Amino acid sequence: MATIVAGRPFLCLLALLAACGQPAATATATNTVDSSKASASEVRTMTTIEINAGTRKWTAQIADNPSARDFLAQLPLDLTLTDYAATEKIATLPRPLTRDGPPAAVTPRAGEIGYYAPWGNIALYHKDGPHSPGLVILGRIDKPYADLATPGAVKVTIRRHNAPPPASRAPE
């Protein structure tokens, strides 16, 4: 009987500690985002852009968030993308983008375009990147981007995409 009585305070302490630990974990989870989940559920496409590098051309869908809208306001841009960490091509933007509303940290995925606020640069990911505080996902490249992994600097022009006019309908 003494063993059961002595064990009860220990169990109560364990239950109390477990309950105290959960709110902190929940608070941390709400401040970070896995970009693959954000891309599927939170990112709404706003604008298509073109990224031209000589004969190579990519299109990308830019998200509807304050940082992405601020990025679009800087277009067109002529940048030189350089290699970083064998994961991405980066370039410094002419001016910083707003950080209103984005999560505190994101895990970027291959094909995404991000803005790394601490350095003021744009990043085009050709491989999945590490979880990064200060990173905002701006959008996603539409078509194959494997040639972004080719080592070396590349000069690009980034501009809004001019969609072709709608096809005319034949009279019925």
C-alpha atoms as a PDB file:
ATOM      1  CA  MET A   1       0.000   0.000   0.000  1.00  0.00           C
ATOM      2  CA  ALA A   2       2.865   2.387   0.768  1.00  0.00           C
ATOM      3  CA  THR A   3       4.249   1.821  -2.745  1.00  0.00           C
ATOM      4  CA  ILE A   4       1.005   2.941  -4.382  1.00  0.00           C
ATOM      5  CA  VAL A   5       0.787   6.088  -2.234  1.00  0.00           C
ATOM      6  CA  ALA A   6       4.427   6.958  -2.915  1.00  0.00           C
ATOM      7  CA  GLY A   7       3.890   6.451  -6.676  1.00  0.00           C
ATOM      8  CA  ARG A   8       0.896   8.800  -6.926  1.00  0.00           C
ATOM      9  CA  PRO A   9       2.846  12.052  -6.408  1.00  0.00           C
ATOM     10  CA  PHE A  10       5.325  10.915  -9.054  1.00  0.00           C
ATOM     11  CA  LEU A  11       2.516  10.220 -11.560  1.00  0.00           C
ATOM     12  CA  CYS A  12       0.908  13.583 -10.788  1.00  0.00           C
ATOM     13  CA  LEU A  13       4.236  15.303 -11.354  1.00  0.00           C
ATOM     14  CA  LEU A  14       4.678  13.523 -14.708  1.00  0.00           C
ATOM     15  CA  ALA A  15       1.167  14.514 -15.822  1.00  0.00           C
ATOM     16  CA  LEU A  16       1.785  18.115 -14.772  1.00  0.00           C
ATOM     17  CA  LEU A  17       5.097  18.290 -16.638  1.00  0.00           C
ATOM     18  CA  ALA A  18       3.571  16.764 -19.776  1.00  0.00           C
ATOM     19  CA  ALA A  19       0.733  19.301 -19.727  1.00  0.00           C
ATOM     20  CA  CYS A  20       3.113  22.202 -19.208  1.00  0.00           C
ATOM     21  CA  GLY A  21       5.272  21.195 -22.152  1.00  0.00           C
ATOM     22  CA  GLN A  22       2.513  21.075 -24.760  1.00  0.00           C
ATOM     23  CA  PRO A  23       1.606  24.779 -25.115  1.00  0.00           C
ATOM     24  CA  ALA A  24       5.238  25.700 -25.819  1.00  0.00           C
ATOM     25  CA  ALA A  25       5.435  23.103 -28.590  1.00  0.00           C
ATOM     26  CA  THR A  26       2.195  24.379 -30.088  1.00  0.00           C
ATOM     27  CA  ALA A  27       3.420  27.989 -30.030  1.00  0.00           C
ATOM     28  CA  THR A  28       6.613  27.021 -31.840  1.00  0.00           C
ATOM     29  CA  ALA A  29       4.720  25.079 -34.489  1.00  0.00           C
ATOM     30  CA  THR A  30       2.508  28.050 -35.337  1.00  0.00           C
ATOM     31  CA  ASN A  31       5.530  30.260 -36.031  1.00  0.00           C
ATOM     32  CA  THR A  32       7.143  27.980 -38.600  1.00  0.00           C
ATOM     33  CA  VAL A  33       5.935  26.522 -41.878  1.00  0.00           C
ATOM     34  CA  ASP A  34       6.961  23.605 -44.040  1.00  0.00           C
ATOM     35  CA  SER A  35       6.745  25.263 -47.448  1.00  0.00           C
ATOM     36  CA  SER A  36       5.434  22.108 -49.118  1.00  0.00           C
ATOM     37  CA  LYS A  37       2.363  22.350 -46.861  1.00  0.00           C
ATOM     38  CA  ALA A  38       2.102  26.113 -47.343  1.00  0.00           C
ATOM     39  CA  SER A  39       2.342  25.719 -51.113  1.00  0.00           C
ATOM     40  CA  ALA A  40      -0.558  23.303 -51.172  1.00  0.00           C
ATOM     41  CA  SER A  41      -2.924  24.993 -48.740  1.00  0.00           C
ATOM     42  CA  GLU A  42      -2.010  28.652 -48.182  1.00  0.00           C
ATOM     43  CA  VAL A  43      -0.362  29.992 -51.327  1.00  0.00           C
ATOM     44  CA  ARG A  44      -2.726  31.472 -53.909  1.00  0.00           C
ATOM     45  CA  THR A  45      -1.251  32.273 -57.292  1.00  0.00           C
ATOM     46  CA  MET A  46      -1.295  35.944 -58.116  1.00  0.00           C
ATOM     47  CA  THR A  47       0.998  36.580 -61.087  1.00  0.00           C
ATOM     48  CA  THR A  48       3.123  34.674 -63.572  1.00  0.00           C
ATOM     49  CA  ILE A  49       6.690  35.868 -64.106  1.00  0.00           C
ATOM     50  CA  GLU A  50       9.381  34.961 -66.621  1.00  0.00           C
ATOM     51  CA  ILE A  51      13.000  34.318 -65.751  1.00  0.00           C
ATOM     52  CA  ASN A  52      15.176  34.603 -68.865  1.00  0.00           C
ATOM     53  CA  ALA A  53      18.824  33.563 -69.063  1.00  0.00           C
ATOM     54  CA  GLY A  54      19.934  33.790 -72.671  1.00  0.00           C
ATOM     55  CA  THR A  55      18.237  30.897 -74.472  1.00  0.00           C
ATOM     56  CA  ARG A  56      16.931  29.387 -71.227  1.00  0.00           C
ATOM     57  CA  LYS A  57      13.558  30.506 -69.939  1.00  0.00           C
ATOM     58  CA  TRP A  58      11.453  29.572 -66.929  1.00  0.00           C
ATOM     59  CA  THR A  59       8.044  30.748 -65.822  1.00  0.00           C
ATOM     60  CA  ALA A  60       6.974  30.887 -62.204  1.00  0.00           C
ATOM     61  CA  GLN A  61       3.799  31.491 -60.235  1.00  0.00           C
ATOM     62  CA  ILE A  62       4.168  34.197 -57.602  1.00  0.00           C
ATOM     63  CA  ALA A  63       2.181  33.820 -54.380  1.00  0.00           C
ATOM     64  CA  ASP A  64      -0.286  36.343 -53.032  1.00  0.00           C
ATOM     65  CA  ASN A  65       1.497  37.606 -49.919  1.00  0.00           C
ATOM     66  CA  PRO A  66       2.923  41.029 -48.946  1.00  0.00           C
ATOM     67  CA  SER A  67       6.559  40.053 -49.676  1.00  0.00           C
ATOM     68  CA  ALA A  68       5.653  38.655 -53.104  1.00  0.00           C
ATOM     69  CA  ARG A  69       3.660  41.758 -54.033  1.00  0.00           C
ATOM     70  CA  ASP A  70       6.635  43.898 -52.979  1.00  0.00           C
ATOM     71  CA  PHE A  71       8.903  41.724 -55.168  1.00  0.00           C
ATOM     72  CA  LEU A  72       6.580  42.180 -58.161  1.00  0.00           C
ATOM     73  CA  ALA A  73       6.756  45.967 -57.690  1.00  0.00           C
ATOM     74  CA  GLN A  74      10.530  45.786 -58.356  1.00  0.00           C
ATOM     75  CA  LEU A  75      10.143  44.066 -61.743  1.00  0.00           C
ATOM     76  CA  PRO A  76      11.683  44.038 -64.271  1.00  0.00           C
ATOM     77  CA  LEU A  77      15.042  43.090 -62.731  1.00  0.00           C
ATOM     78  CA  ASP A  78      18.397  42.271 -64.293  1.00  0.00           C
ATOM     79  CA  LEU A  79      20.344  40.134 -61.807  1.00  0.00           C
ATOM     80  CA  THR A  80      23.359  37.867 -61.701  1.00  0.00           C
ATOM     81  CA  LEU A  81      22.513  34.657 -59.866  1.00  0.00           C
ATOM     82  CA  THR A  82      25.399  32.936 -58.096  1.00  0.00           C
ATOM     83  CA  ASP A  83      25.679  29.497 -56.516  1.00  0.00           C
ATOM     84  CA  TYR A  84      25.045  29.037 -52.836  1.00  0.00           C
ATOM     85  CA  ALA A  85      25.410  25.812 -50.827  1.00  0.00           C
ATOM     86  CA  ALA A  86      24.923  23.603 -53.925  1.00  0.00           C
ATOM     87  CA  THR A  87      21.204  24.109 -53.293  1.00  0.00           C
ATOM     88  CA  GLU A  88      20.204  27.452 -54.770  1.00  0.00           C
ATOM     89  CA  LYS A  89      21.101  30.380 -56.989  1.00  0.00           C
ATOM     90  CA  ILE A  90      20.987  33.743 -55.209  1.00  0.00           C
ATOM     91  CA  ALA A  91      21.128  37.457 -56.010  1.00  0.00           C
ATOM     92  CA  THR A  92      20.760  40.596 -53.907  1.00  0.00           C
ATOM     93  CA  LEU A  93      17.647  42.633 -54.639  1.00  0.00           C
ATOM     94  CA  PRO A  94      17.851  46.411 -55.191  1.00  0.00           C
ATOM     95  CA  ARG A  95      15.891  47.033 -51.991  1.00  0.00           C
ATOM     96  CA  PRO A  96      14.578  44.877 -49.115  1.00  0.00           C
ATOM     97  CA  LEU A  97      11.095  43.371 -49.294  1.00  0.00           C
ATOM     98  CA  THR A  98       8.463  43.746 -46.602  1.00  0.00           C
ATOM     99  CA  ARG A  99       8.272  40.991 -43.969  1.00  0.00           C
ATOM    100  CA  ASP A 100       4.626  41.614 -43.009  1.00  0.00           C
ATOM    101  CA  GLY A 101       2.684  38.436 -42.400  1.00  0.00           C
ATOM    102  CA  PRO A 102       5.082  35.600 -43.292  1.00  0.00           C
ATOM    103  CA  PRO A 103       5.996  32.799 -40.901  1.00  0.00           C
ATOM    104  CA  ALA A 104       9.148  33.101 -38.788  1.00  0.00           C
ATOM    105  CA  ALA A 105      10.843  30.224 -40.652  1.00  0.00           C
ATOM    106  CA  VAL A 106      10.297  28.023 -43.710  1.00  0.00           C
ATOM    107  CA  THR A 107      11.757  24.823 -45.145  1.00  0.00           C
ATOM    108  CA  PRO A 108      12.176  25.527 -48.887  1.00  0.00           C
ATOM    109  CA  ARG A 109      11.595  22.850 -51.530  1.00  0.00           C
ATOM    110  CA  ALA A 110      13.238  22.397 -54.927  1.00  0.00           C
ATOM    111  CA  GLY A 111      11.588  24.654 -57.496  1.00  0.00           C
ATOM    112  CA  GLU A 112      10.590  27.359 -55.048  1.00  0.00           C
ATOM    113  CA  ILE A 113      11.598  31.007 -55.150  1.00  0.00           C
ATOM    114  CA  GLY A 114      12.354  32.551 -51.782  1.00  0.00           C
ATOM    115  CA  TYR A 115      13.399  35.825 -50.223  1.00  0.00           C
ATOM    116  CA  TYR A 116      15.987  35.562 -47.458  1.00  0.00           C
ATOM    117  CA  ALA A 117      15.387  38.719 -45.398  1.00  0.00           C
ATOM    118  CA  PRO A 118      18.592  38.680 -43.297  1.00  0.00           C
ATOM    119  CA  TRP A 119      20.694  39.057 -46.471  1.00  0.00           C
ATOM    120  CA  GLY A 120      18.125  40.820 -48.700  1.00  0.00           C
ATOM    121  CA  ASN A 121      18.451  38.264 -51.478  1.00  0.00           C
ATOM    122  CA  ILE A 122      16.254  36.209 -53.737  1.00  0.00           C
ATOM    123  CA  ALA A 123      16.897  32.469 -53.977  1.00  0.00           C
ATOM    124  CA  LEU A 124      15.887  30.020 -56.708  1.00  0.00           C
ATOM    125  CA  TYR A 125      16.061  26.528 -55.190  1.00  0.00           C
ATOM    126  CA  HIS A 126      17.155  23.621 -57.387  1.00  0.00           C
ATOM    127  CA  LYS A 127      17.346  21.294 -54.348  1.00  0.00           C
ATOM    128  CA  ASP A 128      15.427  21.191 -51.073  1.00  0.00           C
ATOM    129  CA  GLY A 129      16.964  23.628 -48.594  1.00  0.00           C
ATOM    130  CA  PRO A 130      17.342  23.659 -44.815  1.00  0.00           C
ATOM    131  CA  HIS A 131      14.748  25.075 -42.424  1.00  0.00           C
ATOM    132  CA  SER A 132      15.561  28.799 -42.505  1.00  0.00           C
ATOM    133  CA  PRO A 133      14.456  31.567 -40.134  1.00  0.00           C
ATOM    134  CA  GLY A 134      13.870  34.767 -42.106  1.00  0.00           C
ATOM    135  CA  LEU A 135      12.965  33.007 -45.380  1.00  0.00           C
ATOM    136  CA  VAL A 136       9.732  33.859 -47.199  1.00  0.00           C
ATOM    137  CA  ILE A 137       8.475  31.765 -50.124  1.00  0.00           C
ATOM    138  CA  LEU A 138       7.589  34.077 -53.005  1.00  0.00           C
ATOM    139  CA  GLY A 139       6.473  31.471 -55.531  1.00  0.00           C
ATOM    140  CA  ARG A 140       7.269  28.343 -57.504  1.00  0.00           C
ATOM    141  CA  ILE A 141       8.975  27.695 -60.857  1.00  0.00           C
ATOM    142  CA  ASP A 142       6.546  26.011 -63.289  1.00  0.00           C
ATOM    143  CA  LYS A 143       8.732  23.808 -65.442  1.00  0.00           C
ATOM    144  CA  PRO A 144      11.968  21.867 -65.124  1.00  0.00           C
ATOM    145  CA  TYR A 145      14.618  23.827 -63.308  1.00  0.00           C
ATOM    146  CA  ALA A 146      17.401  21.234 -63.101  1.00  0.00           C
ATOM    147  CA  ASP A 147      19.689  23.391 -65.246  1.00  0.00           C
ATOM    148  CA  LEU A 148      19.709  25.943 -62.417  1.00  0.00           C
ATOM    149  CA  ALA A 149      22.055  23.464 -60.712  1.00  0.00           C
ATOM    150  CA  THR A 150      24.701  24.024 -63.398  1.00  0.00           C
ATOM    151  CA  PRO A 151      27.687  25.547 -61.560  1.00  0.00           C
ATOM    152  CA  GLY A 152      28.560  29.175 -62.205  1.00  0.00           C
ATOM    153  CA  ALA A 153      26.981  32.598 -62.289  1.00  0.00           C
ATOM    154  CA  VAL A 154      24.102  33.258 -64.665  1.00  0.00           C
ATOM    155  CA  LYS A 155      22.692  36.612 -65.759  1.00  0.00           C
ATOM    156  CA  VAL A 156      18.902  36.715 -65.739  1.00  0.00           C
ATOM    157  CA  THR A 157      16.086  39.111 -66.461  1.00  0.00           C
ATOM    158  CA  ILE A 158      12.981  38.651 -64.335  1.00  0.00           C
ATOM    159  CA  ARG A 159       9.784  40.283 -65.529  1.00  0.00           C
ATOM    160  CA  ARG A 160       6.033  39.858 -65.472  1.00  0.00           C
ATOM    161  CA  HIS A 161       4.798  37.326 -67.997  1.00  0.00           C
ATOM    162  CA  ASN A 162       2.762  38.715 -70.868  1.00  0.00           C
ATOM    163  CA  ALA A 163       0.028  36.180 -71.431  1.00  0.00           C
ATOM    164  CA  PRO A 164      -1.013  35.646 -75.040  1.00  0.00           C
ATOM    165  CA  PRO A 165      -4.349  37.157 -76.011  1.00  0.00           C
ATOM    166  CA  PRO A 166      -7.335  34.857 -75.598  1.00  0.00           C
ATOM    167  CA  ALA A 167      -8.117  32.749 -78.662  1.00  0.00           C
ATOM    168  CA  SER A 168     -10.939  34.195 -80.715  1.00  0.00           C
ATOM    169  CA  ARG A 169     -14.057  32.095 -80.937  1.00  0.00           C
ATOM    170  CA  ALA A 170     -15.411  31.040 -84.282  1.00  0.00           C
ATOM    171  CA  PRO A 171     -18.982  32.185 -84.980  1.00  0.00           C
ATOM    172  CA  GLU A 172     -21.567  29.512 -84.241  1.00  0.00           C
END
